[in-house]
């Protein structure tokens, strides 16, 4: 499966605009690409009880899982106006449950992109083993 990195980043940037971030004011968008080429988006959703906040990456993943998807190839993340915004540790672990070889792309539309494999970002994941 091939996909366009800039198109995936653009989808994440559009998702970022839907974020609910009144506390941090740091909006994040994510776009998750399946092996079949379908893209699921997510944005961060904050809560006054900070521990109940959910990250954009997990929103995108949970939407895909709820739609019956299980095979993922790439995730784009756009956060604020930062050059790079990689997933947090909790998101890395949840993503690794389904796609340890996932390509993670971050950056801003039209700018240089940063790319890593999820297993590079979280080398020792929790597993059923």
C-alpha atoms as a PDB file:
ATOM      1  CA  UNK A   1       0.000   0.000   0.000  1.00  0.00           C
ATOM      2  CA  UNK A   2       1.374   3.363  -0.980  1.00  0.00           C
ATOM      3  CA  UNK A   3       0.103   6.666   0.347  1.00  0.00           C
ATOM      4  CA  UNK A   4       1.054  10.276  -0.032  1.00  0.00           C
ATOM      5  CA  UNK A   5       2.755  11.677   3.066  1.00  0.00           C
ATOM      6  CA  UNK A   6       1.701  15.273   2.359  1.00  0.00           C
ATOM      7  CA  UNK A   7      -1.943  14.263   1.805  1.00  0.00           C
ATOM      8  CA  UNK A   8      -1.929  12.396   5.117  1.00  0.00           C
ATOM      9  CA  UNK A   9      -0.394  15.430   6.872  1.00  0.00           C
ATOM     10  CA  UNK A  10      -3.033  17.667   5.248  1.00  0.00           C
ATOM     11  CA  UNK A  11      -5.810  15.386   6.564  1.00  0.00           C
ATOM     12  CA  UNK A  12      -4.284  15.579  10.063  1.00  0.00           C
ATOM     13  CA  UNK A  13      -4.085  19.378   9.804  1.00  0.00           C
ATOM     14  CA  UNK A  14      -7.785  19.547   8.888  1.00  0.00           C
ATOM     15  CA  UNK A  15      -8.614  17.274  11.835  1.00  0.00           C
ATOM     16  CA  UNK A  16      -6.599  19.547  14.141  1.00  0.00           C
ATOM     17  CA  UNK A  17      -9.057  22.370  13.454  1.00  0.00           C
ATOM     18  CA  UNK A  18     -11.849  20.288  15.028  1.00  0.00           C
ATOM     19  CA  UNK A  19      -9.950  19.834  18.314  1.00  0.00           C
ATOM     20  CA  UNK A  20     -11.479  20.817  21.633  1.00  0.00           C
ATOM     21  CA  UNK A  21      -8.538  22.247  23.588  1.00  0.00           C
ATOM     22  CA  UNK A  22      -9.757  25.086  25.838  1.00  0.00           C
ATOM     23  CA  UNK A  23      -7.261  24.265  28.601  1.00  0.00           C
ATOM     24  CA  UNK A  24      -3.948  23.705  26.834  1.00  0.00           C
ATOM     25  CA  UNK A  25      -4.878  25.620  23.681  1.00  0.00           C
ATOM     26  CA  UNK A  26      -2.682  23.054  21.904  1.00  0.00           C
ATOM     27  CA  UNK A  27      -4.709  21.500  19.112  1.00  0.00           C
ATOM     28  CA  UNK A  28      -3.613  18.185  17.628  1.00  0.00           C
ATOM     29  CA  UNK A  29      -4.918  16.327  14.605  1.00  0.00           C
ATOM     30  CA  UNK A  30      -4.180  12.797  13.449  1.00  0.00           C
ATOM     31  CA  UNK A  31      -4.864  10.843  10.275  1.00  0.00           C
ATOM     32  CA  UNK A  32      -4.537   7.050  10.316  1.00  0.00           C
ATOM     33  CA  UNK A  33      -4.199   5.191   7.003  1.00  0.00           C
ATOM     34  CA  UNK A  34      -5.344   1.580   6.674  1.00  0.00           C
ATOM     35  CA  UNK A  35      -3.725  -1.026   4.449  1.00  0.00           C
ATOM     36  CA  UNK A  36      -6.735  -0.579   2.158  1.00  0.00           C
ATOM     37  CA  UNK A  37      -6.084   3.163   1.836  1.00  0.00           C
ATOM     38  CA  UNK A  38      -8.956   4.412   3.996  1.00  0.00           C
ATOM     39  CA  UNK A  39      -8.120   7.349   6.264  1.00  0.00           C
ATOM     40  CA  UNK A  40      -9.570   7.849   9.746  1.00  0.00           C
ATOM     41  CA  UNK A  41      -9.069  11.184  11.468  1.00  0.00           C
ATOM     42  CA  UNK A  42      -9.001  12.246  15.087  1.00  0.00           C
ATOM     43  CA  UNK A  43      -8.457  15.365  17.163  1.00  0.00           C
ATOM     44  CA  UNK A  44      -7.610  15.868  20.798  1.00  0.00           C
ATOM     45  CA  UNK A  45     -10.543  16.363  23.143  1.00  0.00           C
ATOM     46  CA  UNK A  46      -9.733  17.903  26.503  1.00  0.00           C
ATOM     47  CA  UNK A  47     -11.682  17.797  29.751  1.00  0.00           C
ATOM     48  CA  UNK A  48     -11.584  19.829  32.954  1.00  0.00           C
ATOM     49  CA  UNK A  49     -10.497  16.591  34.629  1.00  0.00           C
ATOM     50  CA  UNK A  50      -7.232  16.414  32.700  1.00  0.00           C
ATOM     51  CA  UNK A  51      -6.792  12.651  33.012  1.00  0.00           C
ATOM     52  CA  UNK A  52     -10.008  12.206  31.019  1.00  0.00           C
ATOM     53  CA  UNK A  53      -8.553  14.045  28.019  1.00  0.00           C
ATOM     54  CA  UNK A  54      -8.008  11.889  24.921  1.00  0.00           C
ATOM     55  CA  UNK A  55      -5.345  12.359  22.280  1.00  0.00           C
ATOM     56  CA  UNK A  56      -6.002  12.747  18.563  1.00  0.00           C
ATOM     57  CA  UNK A  57      -4.099   9.564  17.728  1.00  0.00           C
ATOM     58  CA  UNK A  58      -6.322   7.381  19.905  1.00  0.00           C
ATOM     59  CA  UNK A  59      -9.484   9.042  18.594  1.00  0.00           C
ATOM     60  CA  UNK A  60      -8.438   8.165  15.025  1.00  0.00           C
ATOM     61  CA  UNK A  61      -7.478   4.614  16.021  1.00  0.00           C
ATOM     62  CA  UNK A  62     -10.656   3.991  18.010  1.00  0.00           C
ATOM     63  CA  UNK A  63     -12.821   5.225  15.129  1.00  0.00           C
ATOM     64  CA  UNK A  64     -11.007   2.839  12.779  1.00  0.00           C
ATOM     65  CA  UNK A  65     -11.332  -0.085  15.195  1.00  0.00           C
ATOM     66  CA  UNK A  66     -15.045   0.662  15.686  1.00  0.00           C
ATOM     67  CA  UNK A  67     -15.440   0.547  11.889  1.00  0.00           C
ATOM     68  CA  UNK A  68     -13.879  -2.930  11.812  1.00  0.00           C
ATOM     69  CA  UNK A  69     -10.373  -1.993  10.646  1.00  0.00           C
ATOM     70  CA  UNK A  70      -7.368  -3.846  12.059  1.00  0.00           C
ATOM     71  CA  UNK A  71      -4.545  -3.310   9.521  1.00  0.00           C
ATOM     72  CA  UNK A  72      -2.784   0.066   9.599  1.00  0.00           C
ATOM     73  CA  UNK A  73       0.219   1.356   7.660  1.00  0.00           C
ATOM     74  CA  UNK A  74       0.738   5.020   8.550  1.00  0.00           C
ATOM     75  CA  UNK A  75      -0.234   7.725  11.001  1.00  0.00           C
ATOM     76  CA  UNK A  76       0.235  11.464  10.465  1.00  0.00           C
ATOM     77  CA  UNK A  77       0.208  13.851  13.423  1.00  0.00           C
ATOM     78  CA  UNK A  78       0.045  17.657  13.314  1.00  0.00           C
ATOM     79  CA  UNK A  79       0.256  19.564  16.592  1.00  0.00           C
ATOM     80  CA  UNK A  80      -0.020  23.309  17.116  1.00  0.00           C
ATOM     81  CA  UNK A  81       2.506  25.007  14.894  1.00  0.00           C
ATOM     82  CA  UNK A  82       5.395  22.771  15.957  1.00  0.00           C
ATOM     83  CA  UNK A  83       7.673  21.270  13.328  1.00  0.00           C
ATOM     84  CA  UNK A  84       7.280  17.814  14.906  1.00  0.00           C
ATOM     85  CA  UNK A  85       4.659  16.394  17.255  1.00  0.00           C
ATOM     86  CA  UNK A  86       5.116  12.666  17.835  1.00  0.00           C
ATOM     87  CA  UNK A  87       2.514  10.619  19.773  1.00  0.00           C
ATOM     88  CA  UNK A  88       2.742  10.456  23.559  1.00  0.00           C
ATOM     89  CA  UNK A  89       3.758   7.227  25.309  1.00  0.00           C
ATOM     90  CA  UNK A  90       0.170   6.139  25.987  1.00  0.00           C
ATOM     91  CA  UNK A  91      -0.747   6.552  22.312  1.00  0.00           C
ATOM     92  CA  UNK A  92       2.393   4.704  21.243  1.00  0.00           C
ATOM     93  CA  UNK A  93       1.447   1.722  23.403  1.00  0.00           C
ATOM     94  CA  UNK A  94      -2.173   1.656  22.189  1.00  0.00           C
ATOM     95  CA  UNK A  95      -1.077   1.944  18.538  1.00  0.00           C
ATOM     96  CA  UNK A  96       1.505  -0.826  19.032  1.00  0.00           C
ATOM     97  CA  UNK A  97      -1.295  -3.215  20.005  1.00  0.00           C
ATOM     98  CA  UNK A  98      -2.477  -3.093  16.398  1.00  0.00           C
ATOM     99  CA  UNK A  99       0.446  -1.882  14.268  1.00  0.00           C
ATOM    100  CA  UNK A 100       3.968  -2.226  15.694  1.00  0.00           C
ATOM    101  CA  UNK A 101       5.417  -1.542  12.210  1.00  0.00           C
ATOM    102  CA  UNK A 102       3.315   1.618  11.721  1.00  0.00           C
ATOM    103  CA  UNK A 103       5.039   4.540  10.008  1.00  0.00           C
ATOM    104  CA  UNK A 104       4.572   7.730  12.048  1.00  0.00           C
ATOM    105  CA  UNK A 105       4.813  10.989  10.112  1.00  0.00           C
ATOM    106  CA  UNK A 106       4.752  14.443  11.668  1.00  0.00           C
ATOM    107  CA  UNK A 107       5.295  17.995  10.541  1.00  0.00           C
ATOM    108  CA  UNK A 108       3.285  20.814   9.047  1.00  0.00           C
ATOM    109  CA  UNK A 109       1.670  20.929   5.594  1.00  0.00           C
ATOM    110  CA  UNK A 110       4.179  22.100   2.993  1.00  0.00           C
ATOM    111  CA  UNK A 111       7.138  21.727   5.372  1.00  0.00           C
ATOM    112  CA  UNK A 112       9.767  19.020   5.800  1.00  0.00           C
ATOM    113  CA  UNK A 113       8.334  15.922   7.461  1.00  0.00           C
ATOM    114  CA  UNK A 114       9.749  13.719  10.204  1.00  0.00           C
ATOM    115  CA  UNK A 115       9.253   9.959   9.826  1.00  0.00           C
ATOM    116  CA  UNK A 116       9.840   7.105  12.273  1.00  0.00           C
ATOM    117  CA  UNK A 117       8.581   3.575  12.689  1.00  0.00           C
ATOM    118  CA  UNK A 118       6.471   3.075  15.788  1.00  0.00           C
ATOM    119  CA  UNK A 119       8.826   0.339  17.036  1.00  0.00           C
ATOM    120  CA  UNK A 120      11.626   2.957  16.999  1.00  0.00           C
ATOM    121  CA  UNK A 121       9.529   5.313  19.115  1.00  0.00           C
ATOM    122  CA  UNK A 122       8.518   2.595  21.571  1.00  0.00           C
ATOM    123  CA  UNK A 123      10.971  -0.319  21.362  1.00  0.00           C
ATOM    124  CA  UNK A 124       9.744  -2.398  24.318  1.00  0.00           C
ATOM    125  CA  UNK A 125       5.963  -2.506  24.194  1.00  0.00           C
ATOM    126  CA  UNK A 126       3.690  -4.444  26.509  1.00  0.00           C
ATOM    127  CA  UNK A 127       2.326  -7.496  24.690  1.00  0.00           C
ATOM    128  CA  UNK A 128       0.240 -10.570  25.400  1.00  0.00           C
ATOM    129  CA  UNK A 129       3.508 -12.526  25.520  1.00  0.00           C
END
